[in-house]
Amino acid sequence: MSGKLTAKERRTALAGLKGWKKVRGRDAIEKTYKFKDFNEAFGFMSRVALAAEKADHHPEWANVYNRVDVVLTTHDAGGISEKDVKLATLMDKWAGKAGKTAKS
C-alpha cells in the first residue's frame, strides 16, 4: 500500500504534473487527453492498462472517440498517493505529442 500524500506533498506533485487538476469534492486528480482518433486513444489506454495492472494501480477512466478522461486516486490510501503521481507521469510520457490535453 502507498500512503496518502500530505497537503504539501500533493501541492508539490501537482506543480510537476502538467494539466492535472484536483477533482472537486474528492482527494483525486484528473486530466483529459485528446488524440488524433479512436485508434490512438484506445492504443494509449491499452498500453497504460498493462502498466497499471503490473503496478496493481488502476485508473478511473472513460473513452469517447478520441478523448480519454482520467481520474487517479489510491482507494486503499484514501486519496492521492505516490502511485497516482507515478501513473500520471507515465501517462503524460506515453501520450506524448499525440495526447494533447483537452481544454476544459
Protein backbone atom coordinates (compact mmCIF):
# COMPACT_ATOMS: atom_id res chain seq x y z
CA MET A 1 0.00 0.00 0.00
CA SER A 2 1.15 3.51 -0.80
CA GLY A 3 0.43 6.17 1.81
CA LYS A 4 -1.71 9.21 1.16
CA LEU A 5 0.29 12.35 0.33
CA THR A 6 0.26 15.25 2.77
CA ALA A 7 -1.20 18.55 1.57
CA LYS A 8 2.30 19.91 0.94
CA GLU A 9 3.38 16.77 -0.95
CA ARG A 10 0.19 16.95 -3.04
CA ARG A 11 0.82 20.60 -3.99
CA THR A 12 4.41 19.80 -4.96
CA ALA A 13 3.33 16.78 -7.01
CA LEU A 14 0.58 18.69 -8.84
CA ALA A 15 3.00 21.51 -9.63
CA GLY A 16 5.12 18.96 -11.50
CA LEU A 17 2.23 17.41 -13.44
CA LYS A 18 1.18 19.42 -16.49
CA GLY A 19 -2.57 19.67 -16.99
CA TRP A 20 -3.61 17.58 -13.98
CA LYS A 21 -6.15 19.18 -11.63
CA LYS A 22 -7.59 18.30 -8.25
CA VAL A 23 -11.07 16.76 -8.52
CA ARG A 24 -13.64 18.90 -6.78
CA GLY A 25 -15.02 17.19 -3.69
CA ARG A 26 -12.57 14.25 -3.80
CA ASP A 27 -8.97 13.56 -2.93
CA ALA A 28 -8.16 12.72 -6.55
CA ILE A 29 -6.62 14.24 -9.67
CA GLU A 30 -7.98 14.38 -13.21
CA LYS A 31 -6.94 15.08 -16.76
CA THR A 32 -8.45 14.77 -20.22
CA TYR A 33 -6.31 13.67 -23.15
CA LYS A 34 -7.33 14.32 -26.74
CA PHE A 35 -5.82 12.21 -29.52
CA LYS A 36 -6.00 12.27 -33.31
CA ASP A 37 -8.59 9.49 -33.46
CA PHE A 38 -10.08 6.49 -31.66
CA ASN A 39 -7.20 4.21 -32.63
CA GLU A 40 -4.63 6.46 -30.91
CA ALA A 41 -6.82 6.92 -27.85
CA PHE A 42 -7.52 3.21 -27.45
CA GLY A 43 -3.89 2.28 -28.10
CA PHE A 44 -2.84 4.68 -25.34
CA MET A 45 -5.37 3.14 -22.97
CA SER A 46 -4.16 -0.38 -23.80
CA ARG A 47 -0.52 0.49 -23.04
CA VAL A 48 -1.47 2.21 -19.79
CA ALA A 49 -3.75 -0.68 -18.78
CA LEU A 50 -0.85 -3.15 -18.97
CA ALA A 51 1.39 -0.92 -16.83
CA ALA A 52 -1.44 -0.21 -14.37
CA GLU A 53 -2.15 -3.91 -13.93
CA LYS A 54 1.54 -4.63 -13.33
CA ALA A 55 1.64 -1.86 -10.67
CA ASP A 56 -1.71 -3.02 -9.21
CA HIS A 57 -2.96 0.54 -9.53
CA HIS A 58 -5.93 1.14 -11.80
CA PRO A 59 -7.25 4.45 -13.14
CA GLU A 60 -10.87 5.51 -13.28
CA TRP A 61 -11.28 6.43 -16.92
CA ALA A 62 -13.60 6.75 -19.87
CA ASN A 63 -13.09 6.91 -23.62
CA VAL A 64 -15.28 8.61 -26.20
CA TYR A 65 -13.83 8.50 -29.71
CA ASN A 66 -10.53 10.44 -29.44
CA ARG A 67 -10.88 11.61 -25.83
CA VAL A 68 -9.70 9.81 -22.69
CA ASP A 69 -10.88 11.21 -19.34
CA VAL A 70 -8.79 10.02 -16.39
CA VAL A 71 -9.23 10.23 -12.60
CA LEU A 72 -6.49 8.95 -10.32
CA THR A 73 -6.73 8.23 -6.59
CA THR A 74 -5.42 5.45 -4.39
CA HIS A 75 -8.50 3.89 -2.85
CA ASP A 76 -6.72 1.89 -0.16
CA ALA A 77 -4.79 5.02 0.93
CA GLY A 78 -7.93 7.16 0.97
CA GLY A 79 -6.62 9.72 -1.52
CA ILE A 80 -3.76 10.80 -3.72
CA SER A 81 -0.55 8.82 -3.24
CA GLU A 82 2.82 8.43 -4.93
CA LYS A 83 1.21 5.68 -7.06
CA ASP A 84 -1.03 8.32 -8.65
CA VAL A 85 1.88 10.65 -9.33
CA LYS A 86 3.88 7.83 -10.95
CA LEU A 87 0.95 6.73 -13.13
CA ALA A 88 0.13 10.31 -14.14
CA THR A 89 3.77 10.88 -15.11
CA LEU A 90 3.81 7.67 -17.15
CA MET A 91 0.54 8.58 -18.88
CA ASP A 92 1.87 12.01 -19.81
CA LYS A 93 5.05 10.46 -21.20
CA TRP A 94 3.19 7.89 -23.26
CA ALA A 95 0.59 10.35 -24.52
CA GLY A 96 3.49 12.46 -25.81
CA LYS A 97 2.77 14.79 -28.66
CA ALA A 98 -0.21 12.71 -29.76
CA GLY A 99 -2.05 13.24 -26.48
CA LYS A 100 -2.86 16.89 -26.22
CA THR A 101 -4.55 17.94 -23.02
CA ALA A 102 -8.11 18.86 -23.88
CA LYS A 103 -9.31 22.31 -22.88
CA SER A 104 -11.96 22.17 -20.17
